[in-house]
PDB file of all heavy atoms in Angstrom:
ATOM      1  N   LEU A   1      23.495  63.743  24.555  1.00  0.00           N
ATOM      2  CA  LEU A   1      24.894  63.340  24.394  1.00  0.00           C
ATOM      3  C   LEU A   1      25.037  61.817  24.506  1.00  0.00           C
ATOM      4  O   LEU A   1      25.769  61.190  23.744  1.00  0.00           O
ATOM      5  CB  LEU A   1      25.752  64.033  25.447  1.00  0.00           C
ATOM      6  CG  LEU A   1      27.260  63.768  25.403  1.00  0.00           C
ATOM      7  CD1 LEU A   1      27.841  64.098  24.038  1.00  0.00           C
ATOM      8  CD2 LEU A   1      27.964  64.546  26.498  1.00  0.00           C
ATOM      9  N   ILE A   2      24.311  61.239  25.442  1.00  0.00           N
ATOM     10  CA  ILE A   2      24.341  59.784  25.618  1.00  0.00           C
ATOM     11  C   ILE A   2      23.747  59.080  24.398  1.00  0.00           C
ATOM     12  O   ILE A   2      24.266  58.056  23.934  1.00  0.00           O
ATOM     13  CB  ILE A   2      23.613  59.394  26.918  1.00  0.00           C
ATOM     14  CG1 ILE A   2      24.453  59.841  28.123  1.00  0.00           C
ATOM     15  CG2 ILE A   2      23.352  57.884  26.981  1.00  0.00           C
ATOM     16  CD1 ILE A   2      23.723  59.813  29.439  1.00  0.00           C
ATOM     17  N   LYS A   3      22.682  59.650  23.836  1.00  0.00           N
ATOM     18  CA  LYS A   3      22.101  59.087  22.603  1.00  0.00           C
ATOM     19  C   LYS A   3      23.103  59.164  21.457  1.00  0.00           C
ATOM     20  O   LYS A   3      23.251  58.216  20.673  1.00  0.00           O
ATOM     21  CB  LYS A   3      20.831  59.855  22.235  1.00  0.00           C
ATOM     22  CG  LYS A   3      19.652  59.603  23.159  1.00  0.00           C
ATOM     23  CD  LYS A   3      18.473  60.485  22.767  1.00  0.00           C
ATOM     24  CE  LYS A   3      17.329  60.361  23.782  1.00  0.00           C
ATOM     25  NZ  LYS A   3      16.227  61.309  23.479  1.00  0.00           N
ATOM     26  N   ALA A   4      23.773  60.309  21.352  1.00  0.00           N
ATOM     27  CA  ALA A   4      24.777  60.473  20.294  1.00  0.00           C
ATOM     28  C   ALA A   4      25.908  59.469  20.471  1.00  0.00           C
ATOM     29  O   ALA A   4      26.394  58.867  19.504  1.00  0.00           O
ATOM     30  CB  ALA A   4      25.327  61.902  20.316  1.00  0.00           C
ATOM     31  N   MET A   5      26.306  59.271  21.703  1.00  0.00           N
ATOM     32  CA  MET A   5      27.371  58.316  21.998  1.00  0.00           C
ATOM     33  C   MET A   5      26.956  56.906  21.598  1.00  0.00           C
ATOM     34  O   MET A   5      27.743  56.142  21.006  1.00  0.00           O
ATOM     35  CB  MET A   5      27.689  58.381  23.497  1.00  0.00           C
ATOM     36  CG  MET A   5      28.894  57.579  23.913  1.00  0.00           C
ATOM     37  SD  MET A   5      30.424  58.255  23.244  1.00  0.00           S
ATOM     38  CE  MET A   5      31.580  57.016  23.820  1.00  0.00           C
ATOM     39  N   ASN A   6      25.715  56.554  21.915  1.00  0.00           N
ATOM     40  CA  ASN A   6      25.197  55.222  21.571  1.00  0.00           C
ATOM     41  C   ASN A   6      25.234  54.980  20.063  1.00  0.00           C
ATOM     42  O   ASN A   6      25.551  53.882  19.604  1.00  0.00           O
ATOM     43  CB  ASN A   6      23.765  55.084  22.088  1.00  0.00           C
ATOM     44  CG  ASN A   6      23.194  53.698  21.867  1.00  0.00           C
ATOM     45  OD1 ASN A   6      23.818  52.694  22.200  1.00  0.00           O
ATOM     46  ND2 ASN A   6      22.010  53.628  21.288  1.00  0.00           N
ATOM     47  N   ILE A   7      24.953  56.020  19.293  1.00  0.00           N
ATOM     48  CA  ILE A   7      24.995  55.907  17.826  1.00  0.00           C
ATOM     49  C   ILE A   7      26.449  55.823  17.345  1.00  0.00           C
ATOM     50  O   ILE A   7      26.795  55.003  16.501  1.00  0.00           O
ATOM     51  CB  ILE A   7      24.285  57.122  17.176  1.00  0.00           C
ATOM     52  CG1 ILE A   7      22.803  57.139  17.559  1.00  0.00           C
ATOM     53  CG2 ILE A   7      24.441  57.093  15.657  1.00  0.00           C
ATOM     54  CD1 ILE A   7      22.100  58.447  17.231  1.00  0.00           C
ATOM     55  N   ALA A   8      27.304  56.665  17.922  1.00  0.00           N
ATOM     56  CA  ALA A   8      28.701  56.740  17.470  1.00  0.00           C
ATOM     57  C   ALA A   8      29.455  55.433  17.690  1.00  0.00           C
ATOM     58  O   ALA A   8      30.270  55.034  16.854  1.00  0.00           O
ATOM     59  CB  ALA A   8      29.416  57.892  18.178  1.00  0.00           C
ATOM     60  N   ILE A   9      29.176  54.752  18.805  1.00  0.00           N
ATOM     61  CA  ILE A   9      29.960  53.549  19.100  1.00  0.00           C
ATOM     62  C   ILE A   9      29.554  52.352  18.235  1.00  0.00           C
ATOM     63  O   ILE A   9      30.266  51.350  18.206  1.00  0.00           O
ATOM     64  CB  ILE A   9      29.881  53.155  20.594  1.00  0.00           C
ATOM     65  CG1 ILE A   9      28.446  52.852  21.020  1.00  0.00           C
ATOM     66  CG2 ILE A   9      30.502  54.232  21.451  1.00  0.00           C
ATOM     67  CD1 ILE A   9      28.348  52.392  22.465  1.00  0.00           C
ATOM     68  N   LYS A  10      28.449  52.467  17.519  1.00  0.00           N
ATOM     69  CA  LYS A  10      28.093  51.399  16.581  1.00  0.00           C
ATOM     70  C   LYS A  10      29.129  51.321  15.453  1.00  0.00           C
ATOM     71  O   LYS A  10      29.419  50.250  14.924  1.00  0.00           O
ATOM     72  CB  LYS A  10      26.696  51.636  16.025  1.00  0.00           C
ATOM     73  CG  LYS A  10      25.587  51.360  17.045  1.00  0.00           C
ATOM     74  CD  LYS A  10      24.218  51.625  16.457  1.00  0.00           C
ATOM     75  CE  LYS A  10      23.115  51.112  17.378  1.00  0.00           C
ATOM     76  NZ  LYS A  10      23.148  51.653  18.723  1.00  0.00           N
ATOM     77  N   GLU A  11      29.691  52.479  15.101  1.00  0.00           N
ATOM     78  CA  GLU A  11      30.771  52.528  14.101  1.00  0.00           C
ATOM     79  C   GLU A  11      32.142  52.407  14.752  1.00  0.00           C
ATOM     80  O   GLU A  11      33.083  51.885  14.158  1.00  0.00           O
ATOM     81  CB  GLU A  11      30.667  53.846  13.314  1.00  0.00           C
ATOM     82  CG  GLU A  11      31.733  54.013  12.248  1.00  0.00           C
ATOM     83  CD  GLU A  11      31.633  55.360  11.537  1.00  0.00           C
ATOM     84  OE1 GLU A  11      30.500  55.870  11.360  1.00  0.00           O
ATOM     85  OE2 GLU A  11      32.686  55.901  11.165  1.00  0.00           O
ATOM     86  N   ASN A  12      32.240  52.898  15.989  1.00  0.00           N
ATOM     87  CA  ASN A  12      33.531  52.929  16.694  1.00  0.00           C
ATOM     88  C   ASN A  12      33.338  52.337  18.100  1.00  0.00           C
ATOM     89  O   ASN A  12      33.215  53.073  19.086  1.00  0.00           O
ATOM     90  CB  ASN A  12      34.021  54.378  16.765  1.00  0.00           C
ATOM     91  CG  ASN A  12      35.385  54.510  17.396  1.00  0.00           C
ATOM     92  OD1 ASN A  12      35.986  53.533  17.854  1.00  0.00           O
ATOM     93  ND2 ASN A  12      35.894  55.739  17.466  1.00  0.00           N
ATOM     94  N   PRO A  13      33.321  51.010  18.229  1.00  0.00           N
ATOM     95  CA  PRO A  13      32.959  50.345  19.494  1.00  0.00           C
ATOM     96  C   PRO A  13      33.856  50.676  20.678  1.00  0.00           C
ATOM     97  O   PRO A  13      33.425  50.525  21.827  1.00  0.00           O
ATOM     98  CB  PRO A  13      33.061  48.849  19.140  1.00  0.00           C
ATOM     99  CG  PRO A  13      32.949  48.797  17.661  1.00  0.00           C
ATOM    100  CD  PRO A  13      33.578  50.047  17.147  1.00  0.00           C
ATOM    101  N   ASN A  14      35.078  51.107  20.444  1.00  0.00           N
ATOM    102  CA  ASN A  14      36.007  51.388  21.550  1.00  0.00           C
ATOM    103  C   ASN A  14      36.022  52.864  21.966  1.00  0.00           C
ATOM    104  O   ASN A  14      36.817  53.266  22.822  1.00  0.00           O
ATOM    105  CB  ASN A  14      37.423  50.957  21.156  1.00  0.00           C
ATOM    106  CG  ASN A  14      37.521  49.444  20.984  1.00  0.00           C
ATOM    107  OD1 ASN A  14      36.952  48.683  21.763  1.00  0.00           O
ATOM    108  ND2 ASN A  14      38.221  49.012  19.943  1.00  0.00           N
ATOM    109  N   LEU A  15      35.166  53.668  21.366  1.00  0.00           N
ATOM    110  CA  LEU A  15      35.099  55.093  21.698  1.00  0.00           C
ATOM    111  C   LEU A  15      34.687  55.276  23.160  1.00  0.00           C
ATOM    112  O   LEU A  15      33.776  54.628  23.657  1.00  0.00           O
ATOM    113  CB  LEU A  15      34.078  55.790  20.788  1.00  0.00           C
ATOM    114  CG  LEU A  15      33.905  57.300  20.980  1.00  0.00           C
ATOM    115  CD1 LEU A  15      35.161  58.049  20.551  1.00  0.00           C
ATOM    116  CD2 LEU A  15      32.692  57.784  20.175  1.00  0.00           C
ATOM    117  N   LYS A  16      35.355  56.209  23.854  1.00  0.00           N
ATOM    118  CA  LYS A  16      35.061  56.507  25.252  1.00  0.00           C
ATOM    119  C   LYS A  16      34.496  57.922  25.386  1.00  0.00           C
ATOM    120  O   LYS A  16      34.894  58.843  24.665  1.00  0.00           O
ATOM    121  CB  LYS A  16      36.330  56.414  26.095  1.00  0.00           C
ATOM    122  CG  LYS A  16      36.893  55.010  26.253  1.00  0.00           C
ATOM    123  CD  LYS A  16      36.123  54.237  27.304  1.00  0.00           C
ATOM    124  CE  LYS A  16      36.813  52.932  27.682  1.00  0.00           C
ATOM    125  NZ  LYS A  16      36.873  51.943  26.597  1.00  0.00           N
ATOM    126  N   LEU A  17      33.552  58.060  26.323  1.00  0.00           N
ATOM    127  CA  LEU A  17      33.044  59.377  26.705  1.00  0.00           C
ATOM    128  C   LEU A  17      33.332  59.587  28.179  1.00  0.00           C
ATOM    129  O   LEU A  17      32.927  58.790  29.025  1.00  0.00           O
ATOM    130  CB  LEU A  17      31.539  59.484  26.476  1.00  0.00           C
ATOM    131  CG  LEU A  17      30.828  60.679  27.158  1.00  0.00           C
ATOM    132  CD1 LEU A  17      31.331  62.012  26.612  1.00  0.00           C
ATOM    133  CD2 LEU A  17      29.309  60.575  27.009  1.00  0.00           C
ATOM    134  N   TYR A  18      34.050  60.668  28.501  1.00  0.00           N
ATOM    135  CA  TYR A  18      34.244  61.076  29.888  1.00  0.00           C
ATOM    136  C   TYR A  18      33.209  62.154  30.196  1.00  0.00           C
ATOM    137  O   TYR A  18      33.273  63.258  29.642  1.00  0.00           O
ATOM    138  CB  TYR A  18      35.654  61.625  30.106  1.00  0.00           C
ATOM    139  CG  TYR A  18      36.756  60.635  29.773  1.00  0.00           C
ATOM    140  CD1 TYR A  18      37.691  60.910  28.771  1.00  0.00           C
ATOM    141  CD2 TYR A  18      36.852  59.419  30.446  1.00  0.00           C
ATOM    142  CE1 TYR A  18      38.696  60.003  28.471  1.00  0.00           C
ATOM    143  CE2 TYR A  18      37.859  58.508  30.144  1.00  0.00           C
ATOM    144  CZ  TYR A  18      38.772  58.807  29.150  1.00  0.00           C
ATOM    145  OH  TYR A  18      39.762  57.896  28.850  1.00  0.00           O
ATOM    146  N   LEU A  19      32.238  61.836  31.042  1.00  0.00           N
ATOM    147  CA  LEU A  19      31.189  62.778  31.412  1.00  0.00           C
ATOM    148  C   LEU A  19      31.434  63.210  32.853  1.00  0.00           C
ATOM    149  O   LEU A  19      31.133  62.485  33.802  1.00  0.00           O
ATOM    150  CB  LEU A  19      29.811  62.118  31.251  1.00  0.00           C
ATOM    151  CG  LEU A  19      28.579  62.972  31.557  1.00  0.00           C
ATOM    152  CD1 LEU A  19      28.615  64.290  30.790  1.00  0.00           C
ATOM    153  CD2 LEU A  19      27.307  62.196  31.247  1.00  0.00           C
ATOM    154  N   LEU A  20      31.999  64.403  33.010  1.00  0.00           N
ATOM    155  CA  LEU A  20      32.466  64.877  34.312  1.00  0.00           C
ATOM    156  C   LEU A  20      31.462  65.829  34.933  1.00  0.00           C
ATOM    157  O   LEU A  20      30.952  66.738  34.258  1.00  0.00           O
ATOM    158  CB  LEU A  20      33.809  65.596  34.168  1.00  0.00           C
ATOM    159  CG  LEU A  20      35.084  64.754  34.079  1.00  0.00           C
ATOM    160  CD1 LEU A  20      35.002  63.685  33.005  1.00  0.00           C
ATOM    161  CD2 LEU A  20      36.296  65.647  33.841  1.00  0.00           C
ATOM    162  N   GLY A  21      31.200  65.642  36.222  1.00  0.00           N
ATOM    163  CA  GLY A  21      30.306  66.540  36.927  1.00  0.00           C
ATOM    164  C   GLY A  21      29.312  65.787  37.789  1.00  0.00           C
ATOM    165  O   GLY A  21      29.247  64.559  37.767  1.00  0.00           O
ATOM    166  N   ASP A  22      28.531  66.541  38.537  1.00  0.00           N
ATOM    167  CA  ASP A  22      27.509  65.956  39.400  1.00  0.00           C
ATOM    168  C   ASP A  22      26.271  66.848  39.340  1.00  0.00           C
ATOM    169  O   ASP A  22      26.332  67.975  38.839  1.00  0.00           O
ATOM    170  CB  ASP A  22      28.020  65.844  40.837  1.00  0.00           C
ATOM    171  CG  ASP A  22      27.366  64.706  41.586  1.00  0.00           C
ATOM    172  OD1 ASP A  22      26.321  64.203  41.119  1.00  0.00           O
ATOM    173  OD2 ASP A  22      27.891  64.301  42.642  1.00  0.00           O
ATOM    174  N   GLY A  23      25.158  66.336  39.839  1.00  0.00           N
ATOM    175  CA  GLY A  23      23.946  67.125  39.808  1.00  0.00           C
ATOM    176  C   GLY A  23      22.704  66.266  39.866  1.00  0.00           C
ATOM    177  O   GLY A  23      22.776  65.034  39.977  1.00  0.00           O
ATOM    178  N   PRO A  24      21.539  66.894  39.764  1.00  0.00           N
ATOM    179  CA  PRO A  24      20.260  66.197  39.979  1.00  0.00           C
ATOM    180  C   PRO A  24      19.950  65.097  38.965  1.00  0.00           C
ATOM    181  O   PRO A  24      19.145  64.212  39.257  1.00  0.00           O
ATOM    182  CB  PRO A  24      19.224  67.328  39.894  1.00  0.00           C
ATOM    183  CG  PRO A  24      19.892  68.425  39.141  1.00  0.00           C
ATOM    184  CD  PRO A  24      21.334  68.335  39.510  1.00  0.00           C
ATOM    185  N   GLU A  25      20.561  65.131  37.795  1.00  0.00           N
ATOM    186  CA  GLU A  25      20.259  64.115  36.780  1.00  0.00           C
ATOM    187  C   GLU A  25      21.238  62.935  36.776  1.00  0.00           C
ATOM    188  O   GLU A  25      21.165  62.083  35.890  1.00  0.00           O
ATOM    189  CB  GLU A  25      20.235  64.750  35.382  1.00  0.00           C
ATOM    190  CG  GLU A  25      18.990  65.546  35.085  1.00  0.00           C
ATOM    191  CD  GLU A  25      18.633  65.521  33.615  1.00  0.00           C
ATOM    192  OE1 GLU A  25      19.522  65.729  32.769  1.00  0.00           O
ATOM    193  OE2 GLU A  25      17.458  65.288  33.297  1.00  0.00           O
ATOM    194  N   ARG A  26      22.112  62.883  37.759  1.00  0.00           N
ATOM    195  CA  ARG A  26      23.139  61.835  37.747  1.00  0.00           C
ATOM    196  C   ARG A  26      22.544  60.425  37.648  1.00  0.00           C
ATOM    197  O   ARG A  26      22.941  59.633  36.783  1.00  0.00           O
ATOM    198  CB  ARG A  26      24.016  61.948  38.999  1.00  0.00           C
ATOM    199  CG  ARG A  26      25.148  60.915  39.011  1.00  0.00           C
ATOM    200  CD  ARG A  26      26.095  61.120  40.180  1.00  0.00           C
ATOM    201  NE  ARG A  26      27.163  60.140  40.168  1.00  0.00           N
ATOM    202  CZ  ARG A  26      28.247  60.199  39.425  1.00  0.00           C
ATOM    203  NH1 ARG A  26      28.431  61.230  38.618  1.00  0.00           N
ATOM    204  NH2 ARG A  26      29.167  59.256  39.468  1.00  0.00           N
ATOM    205  N   GLU A  27      21.604  60.094  38.506  1.00  0.00           N
ATOM    206  CA  GLU A  27      21.027  58.737  38.507  1.00  0.00           C
ATOM    207  C   GLU A  27      20.231  58.466  37.244  1.00  0.00           C
ATOM    208  O   GLU A  27      20.262  57.354  36.709  1.00  0.00           O
ATOM    209  CB  GLU A  27      20.174  58.530  39.755  1.00  0.00           C
ATOM    210  CG  GLU A  27      20.970  58.526  41.062  1.00  0.00           C
ATOM    211  CD  GLU A  27      22.133  57.534  41.029  1.00  0.00           C
ATOM    212  OE1 GLU A  27      21.920  56.381  40.585  1.00  0.00           O
ATOM    213  OE2 GLU A  27      23.249  57.917  41.437  1.00  0.00           O
TER     214      GLU A  27
END
């Protein structure tokens, strides 16, 4: 999802992603 976001914002620099939650992969 983060990779997809990185690609998407190249066309839409102001796009926001709200990633809600916690867990072992947070850091």
